[in-house]
Structure formats: structure tokens, C-alpha cells
Amino acid sequence: CPPCRAEMPGFQATYDRLKDQVVLFGLDVGPFFGLGSNEQGVALLEELGVSYPTGTTDDPQVIVSYQIYAMPSTLFMKPSGKIFTAIAGPLSPAEFAELTEELIAASKL
């Protein structure tokens, strides 16, 4: 999706800066929303030079379990697996970095 494409470079920049403090994982769920194929997702990662871990799923239960009803959706999860915050819609690089830093601080408590 165009918003996903737009926010991925900001995710990469934050990952490059904070990768020793967080785990960033990108999950391609676009095919469930009619937004391209898994192969197109892989091609996009290569085109954008994404190096943070990514994957895909063919299990629609993931969409339900994590309440992913918009594209893009970003979940910030504590080490315990509890969702710290969930954002439906695109994030600017600054918003993503700020939320990531808030998650790191909250995870140290």
C-alpha cells in the first residue's frame, strides 16, 4: 500500500539507530486486504533496502488476533507480549521514533 511504502524508510532509520534496544518485525498482511502478493512484498523490501526482519503469513487468524483492520497498522509490544499501543494508519518517521522510544522507556519499568 502507498502509506506502507512511505513509512518503511522511517522504520528503517529508527531500526538502524535503536536495533540494540528493540526488535522490529514487519509482517506483510497486504494479500488479506487485496494489496499485492507476497512476491510483490519481497520486491518492495528489496527496492527500499529494508534490513529489519520481515515475514508473511497465510493465517487469517493473525488479522483477527491482533485486530488489524487498517493498512498500515503498527503494533508496539512490550517484551511480555502485551500491546503497548496500536496505531491504525500511517506514521511519520518522527512519530514512529517517538513511540519506539516511549516503548523502550516503558519496558524498563
N, C-alpha and C. Protein backbone atom coordinates (compact mmCIF):
# COMPACT_ATOMS: atom_id res chain seq x y z
N CYS A 1 0.85 -1.18 0.00
CA CYS A 1 0.00 0.00 0.00
C CYS A 1 0.89 1.24 0.00
N PRO A 2 0.46 2.31 -0.62
CA PRO A 2 1.29 3.52 -0.67
C PRO A 2 1.70 4.06 0.71
N PRO A 3 0.80 4.10 1.71
CA PRO A 3 1.25 4.57 3.02
C PRO A 3 2.29 3.64 3.65
N CYS A 4 2.16 2.33 3.43
CA CYS A 4 3.16 1.38 3.95
C CYS A 4 4.52 1.69 3.33
N ARG A 5 4.51 1.85 2.02
CA ARG A 5 5.74 2.16 1.29
C ARG A 5 6.37 3.45 1.82
N ALA A 6 5.53 4.43 2.11
CA ALA A 6 6.04 5.73 2.56
C ALA A 6 6.65 5.67 3.96
N GLU A 7 6.11 4.83 4.84
CA GLU A 7 6.62 4.83 6.21
C GLU A 7 7.79 3.88 6.42
N MET A 8 8.03 2.95 5.53
CA MET A 8 9.09 1.96 5.74
C MET A 8 10.50 2.57 5.83
N PRO A 9 10.85 3.59 5.06
CA PRO A 9 12.18 4.19 5.25
C PRO A 9 12.38 4.78 6.65
N GLY A 10 11.33 5.36 7.22
CA GLY A 10 11.41 5.87 8.59
C GLY A 10 11.56 4.76 9.60
N PHE A 11 10.88 3.64 9.36
CA PHE A 11 11.05 2.46 10.23
C PHE A 11 12.49 1.99 10.16
N GLN A 12 13.05 1.96 8.95
CA GLN A 12 14.42 1.50 8.77
C GLN A 12 15.40 2.42 9.51
N ALA A 13 15.18 3.72 9.42
CA ALA A 13 16.07 4.68 10.09
C ALA A 13 16.03 4.49 11.61
N THR A 14 14.84 4.30 12.15
CA THR A 14 14.72 4.07 13.60
C THR A 14 15.35 2.75 13.98
N TYR A 15 15.13 1.73 13.17
CA TYR A 15 15.75 0.43 13.43
C TYR A 15 17.27 0.55 13.43
N ASP A 16 17.82 1.25 12.46
CA ASP A 16 19.28 1.41 12.38
C ASP A 16 19.82 2.07 13.65
N ARG A 17 19.06 3.01 14.19
CA ARG A 17 19.50 3.77 15.36
C ARG A 17 19.29 3.00 16.68
N LEU A 18 18.23 2.20 16.76
CA LEU A 18 17.84 1.59 18.04
C LEU A 18 17.84 0.06 18.03
N LYS A 19 18.42 -0.54 17.02
CA LYS A 19 18.30 -2.00 16.88
C LYS A 19 18.90 -2.79 18.04
N ASP A 20 19.74 -2.18 18.84
CA ASP A 20 20.27 -2.88 20.01
C ASP A 20 19.31 -2.83 21.19
N GLN A 21 18.23 -2.05 21.05
CA GLN A 21 17.28 -1.89 22.15
C GLN A 21 15.88 -2.42 21.86
N VAL A 22 15.59 -2.67 20.59
CA VAL A 22 14.24 -3.11 20.21
C VAL A 22 14.32 -4.22 19.17
N VAL A 23 13.21 -4.93 19.05
CA VAL A 23 13.03 -5.87 17.95
C VAL A 23 11.96 -5.26 17.06
N LEU A 24 12.30 -5.02 15.82
CA LEU A 24 11.34 -4.51 14.84
C LEU A 24 11.08 -5.65 13.87
N PHE A 25 9.81 -5.96 13.68
CA PHE A 25 9.44 -7.03 12.75
C PHE A 25 8.31 -6.53 11.87
N GLY A 26 8.51 -6.59 10.57
CA GLY A 26 7.49 -6.20 9.61
C GLY A 26 6.76 -7.43 9.11
N LEU A 27 5.44 -7.41 9.17
CA LEU A 27 4.64 -8.54 8.72
C LEU A 27 3.77 -8.10 7.56
N ASP A 28 3.94 -8.75 6.42
CA ASP A 28 3.16 -8.43 5.23
C ASP A 28 1.80 -9.12 5.32
N VAL A 29 0.76 -8.32 5.54
CA VAL A 29 -0.60 -8.84 5.54
C VAL A 29 -1.40 -8.26 4.37
N GLY A 30 -0.71 -7.59 3.47
CA GLY A 30 -1.35 -6.97 2.31
C GLY A 30 -2.25 -7.89 1.52
N PRO A 31 -1.83 -9.15 1.27
CA PRO A 31 -2.70 -10.04 0.50
C PRO A 31 -4.10 -10.23 1.11
N PHE A 32 -4.23 -10.12 2.42
CA PHE A 32 -5.56 -10.24 3.05
C PHE A 32 -6.44 -9.04 2.75
N PHE A 33 -5.82 -7.93 2.35
CA PHE A 33 -6.56 -6.71 2.05
C PHE A 33 -6.60 -6.41 0.55
N GLY A 34 -6.18 -7.38 -0.26
CA GLY A 34 -6.15 -7.18 -1.71
C GLY A 34 -5.06 -6.23 -2.15
N LEU A 35 -3.98 -6.14 -1.38
CA LEU A 35 -2.91 -5.20 -1.67
C LEU A 35 -1.63 -5.93 -2.06
N GLY A 36 -1.65 -6.57 -3.19
CA GLY A 36 -0.45 -7.21 -3.71
C GLY A 36 -0.24 -8.62 -3.22
N SER A 37 0.77 -9.22 -3.79
CA SER A 37 1.12 -10.60 -3.47
C SER A 37 2.33 -10.63 -2.55
N ASN A 38 2.62 -11.79 -2.00
CA ASN A 38 3.82 -11.95 -1.19
C ASN A 38 5.07 -11.63 -2.00
N GLU A 39 5.08 -12.03 -3.27
CA GLU A 39 6.23 -11.75 -4.13
C GLU A 39 6.43 -10.25 -4.32
N GLN A 40 5.34 -9.52 -4.45
CA GLN A 40 5.44 -8.07 -4.58
C GLN A 40 5.95 -7.44 -3.27
N GLY A 41 5.57 -8.04 -2.15
CA GLY A 41 6.06 -7.56 -0.87
C GLY A 41 7.56 -7.73 -0.75
N VAL A 42 8.06 -8.89 -1.17
CA VAL A 42 9.51 -9.14 -1.15
C VAL A 42 10.23 -8.16 -2.06
N ALA A 43 9.67 -7.91 -3.23
CA ALA A 43 10.28 -6.98 -4.17
C ALA A 43 10.34 -5.56 -3.58
N LEU A 44 9.30 -5.17 -2.85
CA LEU A 44 9.27 -3.85 -2.22
C LEU A 44 10.37 -3.74 -1.16
N LEU A 45 10.55 -4.78 -0.36
CA LEU A 45 11.60 -4.77 0.65
C LEU A 45 12.97 -4.58 0.01
N GLU A 46 13.19 -5.29 -1.07
CA GLU A 46 14.46 -5.17 -1.78
C GLU A 46 14.63 -3.78 -2.37
N GLU A 47 13.57 -3.27 -2.98
CA GLU A 47 13.63 -1.93 -3.59
C GLU A 47 13.96 -0.85 -2.56
N LEU A 48 13.38 -0.96 -1.37
CA LEU A 48 13.58 0.06 -0.34
C LEU A 48 14.80 -0.20 0.54
N GLY A 49 15.45 -1.34 0.36
CA GLY A 49 16.63 -1.66 1.15
C GLY A 49 16.32 -1.93 2.61
N VAL A 50 15.16 -2.53 2.87
CA VAL A 50 14.76 -2.84 4.25
C VAL A 50 15.61 -4.00 4.76
N SER A 51 16.23 -3.79 5.94
CA SER A 51 17.06 -4.85 6.51
C SER A 51 16.53 -5.37 7.84
N TYR A 52 15.49 -4.72 8.39
CA TYR A 52 14.92 -5.27 9.62
C TYR A 52 14.15 -6.55 9.29
N PRO A 53 14.01 -7.45 10.27
CA PRO A 53 13.34 -8.72 10.00
C PRO A 53 11.91 -8.53 9.50
N THR A 54 11.54 -9.34 8.54
CA THR A 54 10.19 -9.28 7.96
C THR A 54 9.69 -10.69 7.68
N GLY A 55 8.42 -10.79 7.46
CA GLY A 55 7.84 -12.08 7.12
C GLY A 55 6.43 -11.89 6.59
N THR A 56 5.77 -13.00 6.38
CA THR A 56 4.40 -13.00 5.91
C THR A 56 3.67 -14.15 6.58
N THR A 57 2.39 -14.19 6.42
CA THR A 57 1.59 -15.28 6.97
C THR A 57 0.45 -15.60 6.01
N ASP A 58 0.04 -16.84 6.05
CA ASP A 58 -1.15 -17.22 5.29
C ASP A 58 -2.30 -17.53 6.25
N ASP A 59 -2.11 -17.22 7.53
CA ASP A 59 -3.09 -17.49 8.57
C ASP A 59 -3.95 -16.25 8.83
N PRO A 60 -5.21 -16.25 8.41
CA PRO A 60 -6.06 -15.08 8.63
C PRO A 60 -6.34 -14.80 10.10
N GLN A 61 -6.08 -15.77 10.97
CA GLN A 61 -6.30 -15.55 12.41
C GLN A 61 -5.39 -14.45 12.96
N VAL A 62 -4.25 -14.24 12.31
CA VAL A 62 -3.34 -13.17 12.74
C VAL A 62 -4.05 -11.82 12.67
N ILE A 63 -4.81 -11.61 11.62
CA ILE A 63 -5.54 -10.35 11.43
C ILE A 63 -6.53 -10.16 12.58
N VAL A 64 -7.22 -11.21 12.93
CA VAL A 64 -8.23 -11.15 13.99
C VAL A 64 -7.56 -11.01 15.36
N SER A 65 -6.56 -11.82 15.63
CA SER A 65 -5.90 -11.83 16.95
C SER A 65 -5.30 -10.48 17.30
N TYR A 66 -4.70 -9.82 16.32
CA TYR A 66 -4.04 -8.54 16.58
C TYR A 66 -4.89 -7.35 16.14
N GLN A 67 -6.14 -7.63 15.77
CA GLN A 67 -7.10 -6.58 15.41
C GLN A 67 -6.54 -5.63 14.36
N ILE A 68 -6.06 -6.19 13.27
CA ILE A 68 -5.51 -5.40 12.18
C ILE A 68 -6.64 -5.14 11.18
N TYR A 69 -7.21 -3.96 11.28
CA TYR A 69 -8.35 -3.62 10.44
C TYR A 69 -8.07 -2.48 9.48
N ALA A 70 -6.85 -1.98 9.48
CA ALA A 70 -6.47 -0.89 8.59
C ALA A 70 -5.07 -1.15 8.08
N MET A 71 -4.78 -0.58 6.94
CA MET A 71 -3.43 -0.67 6.37
C MET A 71 -2.91 0.75 6.23
N PRO A 72 -1.74 1.03 6.74
CA PRO A 72 -0.93 0.15 7.58
C PRO A 72 -1.41 0.16 9.03
N SER A 73 -0.99 -0.84 9.78
CA SER A 73 -1.20 -0.90 11.22
C SER A 73 0.15 -1.19 11.86
N THR A 74 0.40 -0.54 12.99
CA THR A 74 1.67 -0.73 13.69
C THR A 74 1.37 -1.04 15.15
N LEU A 75 1.90 -2.16 15.61
CA LEU A 75 1.73 -2.57 17.00
C LEU A 75 3.06 -2.40 17.72
N PHE A 76 3.03 -1.78 18.87
CA PHE A 76 4.20 -1.64 19.73
C PHE A 76 3.96 -2.56 20.91
N MET A 77 4.81 -3.56 21.06
CA MET A 77 4.60 -4.58 22.08
C MET A 77 5.74 -4.61 23.08
N LYS A 78 5.38 -4.76 24.34
CA LYS A 78 6.37 -4.89 25.41
C LYS A 78 7.02 -6.28 25.32
N PRO A 79 8.16 -6.46 25.96
CA PRO A 79 8.81 -7.77 25.95
C PRO A 79 7.91 -8.90 26.45
N SER A 80 6.93 -8.57 27.28
CA SER A 80 6.00 -9.57 27.79
C SER A 80 5.02 -10.06 26.72
N GLY A 81 4.95 -9.35 25.60
CA GLY A 81 4.00 -9.68 24.55
C GLY A 81 2.73 -8.85 24.62
N LYS A 82 2.58 -8.06 25.68
CA LYS A 82 1.42 -7.18 25.83
C LYS A 82 1.55 -5.99 24.88
N ILE A 83 0.45 -5.64 24.24
CA ILE A 83 0.46 -4.50 23.33
C ILE A 83 0.55 -3.21 24.14
N PHE A 84 1.57 -2.42 23.86
CA PHE A 84 1.79 -1.12 24.50
C PHE A 84 0.89 -0.08 23.85
N THR A 85 0.88 -0.05 22.54
CA THR A 85 -0.01 0.82 21.79
C THR A 85 -0.16 0.26 20.38
N ALA A 86 -1.29 0.57 19.77
CA ALA A 86 -1.55 0.14 18.40
C ALA A 86 -2.00 1.36 17.60
N ILE A 87 -1.43 1.50 16.43
CA ILE A 87 -1.75 2.64 15.57
C ILE A 87 -2.31 2.11 14.26
N ALA A 88 -3.50 2.56 13.91
CA ALA A 88 -4.11 2.24 12.61
C ALA A 88 -3.89 3.45 11.72
N GLY A 89 -3.17 3.25 10.64
CA GLY A 89 -2.87 4.34 9.73
C GLY A 89 -1.38 4.63 9.72
N PRO A 90 -0.96 5.48 8.81
CA PRO A 90 0.48 5.73 8.64
C PRO A 90 1.08 6.55 9.79
N LEU A 91 2.36 6.33 10.01
CA LEU A 91 3.14 7.08 10.99
C LEU A 91 4.27 7.82 10.28
N SER A 92 4.50 9.05 10.69
CA SER A 92 5.65 9.78 10.17
C SER A 92 6.91 9.20 10.82
N PRO A 93 8.08 9.43 10.24
CA PRO A 93 9.30 8.96 10.87
C PRO A 93 9.44 9.46 12.31
N ALA A 94 9.09 10.71 12.55
CA ALA A 94 9.20 11.28 13.90
C ALA A 94 8.23 10.60 14.87
N GLU A 95 7.01 10.35 14.42
CA GLU A 95 6.02 9.67 15.28
C GLU A 95 6.48 8.25 15.61
N PHE A 96 6.98 7.54 14.61
CA PHE A 96 7.44 6.18 14.84
C PHE A 96 8.61 6.16 15.83
N ALA A 97 9.56 7.05 15.64
CA ALA A 97 10.72 7.12 16.53
C ALA A 97 10.28 7.46 17.95
N GLU A 98 9.38 8.42 18.09
CA GLU A 98 8.92 8.82 19.43
C GLU A 98 8.20 7.67 20.13
N LEU A 99 7.31 6.98 19.42
CA LEU A 99 6.59 5.86 20.03
C LEU A 99 7.54 4.71 20.38
N THR A 100 8.54 4.50 19.55
CA THR A 100 9.53 3.45 19.83
C THR A 100 10.31 3.79 21.09
N GLU A 101 10.70 5.04 21.23
CA GLU A 101 11.43 5.46 22.42
C GLU A 101 10.55 5.40 23.67
N GLU A 102 9.26 5.72 23.53
CA GLU A 102 8.33 5.59 24.66
C GLU A 102 8.20 4.12 25.07
N LEU A 103 8.15 3.23 24.09
CA LEU A 103 8.07 1.80 24.38
C LEU A 103 9.31 1.32 25.12
N ILE A 104 10.47 1.76 24.67
CA ILE A 104 11.72 1.38 25.34
C ILE A 104 11.69 1.84 26.80
N ALA A 105 11.29 3.09 27.02
CA ALA A 105 11.24 3.62 28.39
C ALA A 105 10.23 2.84 29.24
N ALA A 106 9.06 2.55 28.70
CA ALA A 106 8.03 1.84 29.44
C ALA A 106 8.42 0.40 29.72
N SER A 107 9.25 -0.17 28.87
CA SER A 107 9.67 -1.56 29.03
C SER A 107 10.73 -1.71 30.11
N LYS A 108 11.35 -0.61 30.49
CA LYS A 108 12.39 -0.65 31.53
C LYS A 108 11.81 -0.57 32.93
N LEU A 109 10.51 -0.24 33.01
CA LEU A 109 9.86 -0.09 34.32
C LEU A 109 9.70 -1.42 35.01
